[in-house]
Amino acid sequence: GALVPAERIRMAIEGYDFRIDGVHVPITVSVGAASYPDNANSKAELIKKSDTALYYSKENGRNRSTLYNPIMVEHKD
C-alpha cells in the first residue's frame, strides 16, 4: 500500500500550477517507497530501501513512483 500515497503525492505536485513571477514553472518529483515489515525490519533499513527505490525512479525516467524490489541495486554513499 505504500505506492498509493506516493503516487498521489507525485501526481498532485505534477498537476499543481506553480508560478514564479506569474510564469508557470513545471515541477515534478521522483518518489521511492518501501514498506514495513515486507521490505525492512528497522527504521534505518526502511529508509535505505526507500532511498534505493528513489534512485531507481530517477535513473529510469524520473517523475515516477517506485516501490522497492530486492533486485534493485543499492547505492553507496
N, C-alpha and C. Protein backbone atom coordinates (compact mmCIF):
# COMPACT_ATOMS: atom_id res chain seq x y z
N GLY A 1 0.78 -1.20 0.00
CA GLY A 1 0.00 0.00 0.00
C GLY A 1 0.83 1.27 0.00
N ALA A 2 2.14 1.18 0.13
CA ALA A 2 2.97 2.38 0.20
C ALA A 2 2.99 3.14 -1.12
N LEU A 3 2.78 2.46 -2.21
CA LEU A 3 2.87 3.10 -3.51
C LEU A 3 1.67 4.02 -3.79
N VAL A 4 0.52 3.72 -3.23
CA VAL A 4 -0.68 4.52 -3.50
C VAL A 4 -0.52 5.96 -3.01
N PRO A 5 -0.17 6.21 -1.75
CA PRO A 5 0.02 7.61 -1.34
C PRO A 5 1.22 8.27 -2.02
N ALA A 6 2.26 7.51 -2.31
CA ALA A 6 3.43 8.07 -3.01
C ALA A 6 3.02 8.59 -4.39
N GLU A 7 2.23 7.81 -5.09
CA GLU A 7 1.78 8.21 -6.42
C GLU A 7 0.80 9.38 -6.33
N ARG A 8 -0.02 9.40 -5.31
CA ARG A 8 -0.95 10.52 -5.12
C ARG A 8 -0.18 11.83 -4.91
N ILE A 9 0.87 11.79 -4.12
CA ILE A 9 1.71 12.98 -3.89
C ILE A 9 2.40 13.41 -5.19
N ARG A 10 2.95 12.44 -5.91
CA ARG A 10 3.65 12.75 -7.16
C ARG A 10 2.71 13.42 -8.15
N MET A 11 1.52 12.88 -8.30
CA MET A 11 0.56 13.43 -9.25
C MET A 11 0.07 14.82 -8.83
N ALA A 12 -0.10 15.04 -7.54
CA ALA A 12 -0.53 16.35 -7.04
C ALA A 12 0.51 17.41 -7.35
N ILE A 13 1.78 17.08 -7.16
CA ILE A 13 2.85 18.04 -7.45
C ILE A 13 2.93 18.30 -8.96
N GLU A 14 2.85 17.25 -9.74
CA GLU A 14 2.91 17.40 -11.20
C GLU A 14 1.75 18.26 -11.71
N GLY A 15 0.58 18.12 -11.12
CA GLY A 15 -0.60 18.83 -11.59
C GLY A 15 -0.79 20.23 -11.03
N TYR A 16 0.03 20.62 -10.06
CA TYR A 16 -0.12 21.93 -9.44
C TYR A 16 0.43 23.03 -10.35
N ASP A 17 -0.23 24.16 -10.32
CA ASP A 17 0.18 25.28 -11.16
C ASP A 17 1.17 26.17 -10.41
N PHE A 18 2.44 25.73 -10.35
CA PHE A 18 3.49 26.53 -9.71
C PHE A 18 3.82 27.72 -10.61
N ARG A 19 3.97 28.89 -9.99
CA ARG A 19 4.28 30.09 -10.76
C ARG A 19 5.38 30.89 -10.08
N ILE A 20 6.26 31.42 -10.90
CA ILE A 20 7.30 32.35 -10.45
C ILE A 20 7.14 33.60 -11.30
N ASP A 21 6.91 34.71 -10.65
CA ASP A 21 6.66 35.98 -11.34
C ASP A 21 5.56 35.83 -12.40
N GLY A 22 4.54 35.06 -12.07
CA GLY A 22 3.40 34.87 -12.96
C GLY A 22 3.60 33.86 -14.07
N VAL A 23 4.77 33.27 -14.15
CA VAL A 23 5.07 32.31 -15.22
C VAL A 23 4.98 30.89 -14.67
N HIS A 24 4.24 30.05 -15.37
CA HIS A 24 4.10 28.64 -14.97
C HIS A 24 5.46 27.94 -15.00
N VAL A 25 5.77 27.25 -13.92
CA VAL A 25 7.02 26.50 -13.82
C VAL A 25 6.66 25.04 -13.55
N PRO A 26 6.90 24.16 -14.53
CA PRO A 26 6.57 22.75 -14.30
C PRO A 26 7.53 22.12 -13.28
N ILE A 27 6.96 21.47 -12.31
CA ILE A 27 7.75 20.78 -11.29
C ILE A 27 7.27 19.35 -11.18
N THR A 28 8.21 18.43 -11.16
CA THR A 28 7.89 17.02 -10.98
C THR A 28 8.79 16.45 -9.88
N VAL A 29 8.40 15.29 -9.36
CA VAL A 29 9.20 14.63 -8.33
C VAL A 29 9.31 13.14 -8.65
N SER A 30 10.37 12.58 -8.16
CA SER A 30 10.54 11.13 -8.19
C SER A 30 10.39 10.66 -6.75
N VAL A 31 9.72 9.53 -6.57
CA VAL A 31 9.43 9.02 -5.23
C VAL A 31 9.88 7.57 -5.13
N GLY A 32 10.51 7.23 -4.01
CA GLY A 32 10.84 5.85 -3.72
C GLY A 32 10.09 5.43 -2.47
N ALA A 33 9.54 4.23 -2.48
CA ALA A 33 8.76 3.76 -1.35
C ALA A 33 9.17 2.33 -0.99
N ALA A 34 9.06 2.04 0.29
CA ALA A 34 9.26 0.68 0.80
C ALA A 34 8.27 0.51 1.94
N SER A 35 8.01 -0.72 2.31
CA SER A 35 7.03 -0.94 3.37
C SER A 35 7.60 -1.84 4.47
N TYR A 36 7.09 -1.58 5.65
CA TYR A 36 7.45 -2.36 6.84
C TYR A 36 6.30 -3.29 7.16
N PRO A 37 6.50 -4.53 7.42
CA PRO A 37 7.75 -5.28 7.50
C PRO A 37 8.09 -6.03 6.22
N ASP A 38 7.34 -5.79 5.15
CA ASP A 38 7.59 -6.54 3.91
C ASP A 38 8.99 -6.33 3.34
N ASN A 39 9.47 -5.07 3.37
CA ASN A 39 10.77 -4.76 2.78
C ASN A 39 11.87 -4.51 3.79
N ALA A 40 11.51 -4.23 5.03
CA ALA A 40 12.52 -3.85 6.02
C ALA A 40 12.06 -4.22 7.43
N ASN A 41 13.04 -4.44 8.30
CA ASN A 41 12.75 -4.81 9.68
C ASN A 41 13.10 -3.71 10.68
N SER A 42 13.65 -2.60 10.20
CA SER A 42 14.01 -1.50 11.09
C SER A 42 13.79 -0.18 10.36
N LYS A 43 13.79 0.91 11.11
CA LYS A 43 13.61 2.23 10.51
C LYS A 43 14.77 2.54 9.56
N ALA A 44 15.98 2.24 9.97
CA ALA A 44 17.15 2.51 9.12
C ALA A 44 17.09 1.72 7.82
N GLU A 45 16.69 0.47 7.91
CA GLU A 45 16.59 -0.38 6.72
C GLU A 45 15.46 0.12 5.81
N LEU A 46 14.36 0.57 6.40
CA LEU A 46 13.24 1.10 5.62
C LEU A 46 13.66 2.34 4.84
N ILE A 47 14.41 3.22 5.48
CA ILE A 47 14.91 4.42 4.81
C ILE A 47 15.86 4.05 3.68
N LYS A 48 16.75 3.10 3.93
CA LYS A 48 17.72 2.67 2.91
C LYS A 48 17.00 2.06 1.69
N LYS A 49 15.99 1.25 1.94
CA LYS A 49 15.26 0.62 0.83
C LYS A 49 14.45 1.66 0.06
N SER A 50 13.85 2.62 0.76
CA SER A 50 13.12 3.69 0.09
C SER A 50 14.06 4.53 -0.77
N ASP A 51 15.26 4.79 -0.25
CA ASP A 51 16.26 5.54 -0.99
C ASP A 51 16.68 4.79 -2.25
N THR A 52 16.84 3.48 -2.14
CA THR A 52 17.19 2.66 -3.30
C THR A 52 16.10 2.77 -4.36
N ALA A 53 14.84 2.71 -3.94
CA ALA A 53 13.72 2.84 -4.87
C ALA A 53 13.68 4.24 -5.50
N LEU A 54 14.03 5.26 -4.72
CA LEU A 54 14.09 6.63 -5.24
C LEU A 54 15.14 6.74 -6.35
N TYR A 55 16.34 6.21 -6.12
CA TYR A 55 17.37 6.24 -7.15
C TYR A 55 16.91 5.49 -8.40
N TYR A 56 16.20 4.40 -8.21
CA TYR A 56 15.67 3.65 -9.35
C TYR A 56 14.71 4.52 -10.15
N SER A 57 13.83 5.25 -9.46
CA SER A 57 12.91 6.16 -10.14
C SER A 57 13.66 7.20 -10.96
N LYS A 58 14.68 7.79 -10.37
CA LYS A 58 15.46 8.83 -11.05
C LYS A 58 16.21 8.29 -12.26
N GLU A 59 16.73 7.09 -12.13
CA GLU A 59 17.54 6.50 -13.20
C GLU A 59 16.70 5.90 -14.32
N ASN A 60 15.41 5.75 -14.10
CA ASN A 60 14.55 5.09 -15.09
C ASN A 60 13.43 6.00 -15.56
N GLY A 61 13.73 7.27 -15.72
CA GLY A 61 12.78 8.16 -16.36
C GLY A 61 12.33 9.35 -15.53
N ARG A 62 12.58 9.37 -14.25
CA ARG A 62 12.14 10.47 -13.38
C ARG A 62 10.63 10.63 -13.40
N ASN A 63 10.13 11.52 -12.54
CA ASN A 63 8.70 11.79 -12.41
C ASN A 63 7.90 10.49 -12.31
N ARG A 64 8.30 9.66 -11.37
CA ARG A 64 7.61 8.39 -11.17
C ARG A 64 7.72 7.97 -9.71
N SER A 65 6.84 7.07 -9.34
CA SER A 65 6.87 6.47 -8.00
C SER A 65 7.26 5.02 -8.16
N THR A 66 8.19 4.57 -7.34
CA THR A 66 8.68 3.20 -7.44
C THR A 66 8.69 2.54 -6.08
N LEU A 67 8.16 1.34 -6.02
CA LEU A 67 8.18 0.54 -4.80
C LEU A 67 9.45 -0.31 -4.80
N TYR A 68 10.12 -0.38 -3.66
CA TYR A 68 11.35 -1.16 -3.56
C TYR A 68 11.13 -2.60 -3.98
N ASN A 69 12.12 -3.13 -4.69
CA ASN A 69 12.16 -4.53 -5.10
C ASN A 69 13.57 -5.03 -4.82
N PRO A 70 13.71 -6.24 -4.27
CA PRO A 70 15.05 -6.74 -3.93
C PRO A 70 16.04 -6.81 -5.10
N ILE A 71 15.57 -6.80 -6.33
CA ILE A 71 16.50 -6.84 -7.47
C ILE A 71 17.18 -5.50 -7.73
N MET A 72 16.69 -4.43 -7.08
CA MET A 72 17.29 -3.10 -7.27
C MET A 72 18.67 -3.05 -6.63
N VAL A 73 19.56 -2.31 -7.27
CA VAL A 73 20.93 -2.17 -6.78
C VAL A 73 20.98 -1.02 -5.79
N GLU A 74 21.49 -1.28 -4.58
CA GLU A 74 21.60 -0.24 -3.57
C GLU A 74 22.78 0.66 -3.90
N HIS A 75 22.61 1.97 -3.70
CA HIS A 75 23.66 2.95 -3.93
C HIS A 75 24.50 3.12 -2.69
N LYS A 76 25.76 3.31 -2.88
CA LYS A 76 26.69 3.55 -1.78
C LYS A 76 26.88 5.04 -1.63
N ASP A 77 26.82 5.55 -0.42
CA ASP A 77 27.01 6.99 -0.17
C ASP A 77 28.46 7.33 -0.06
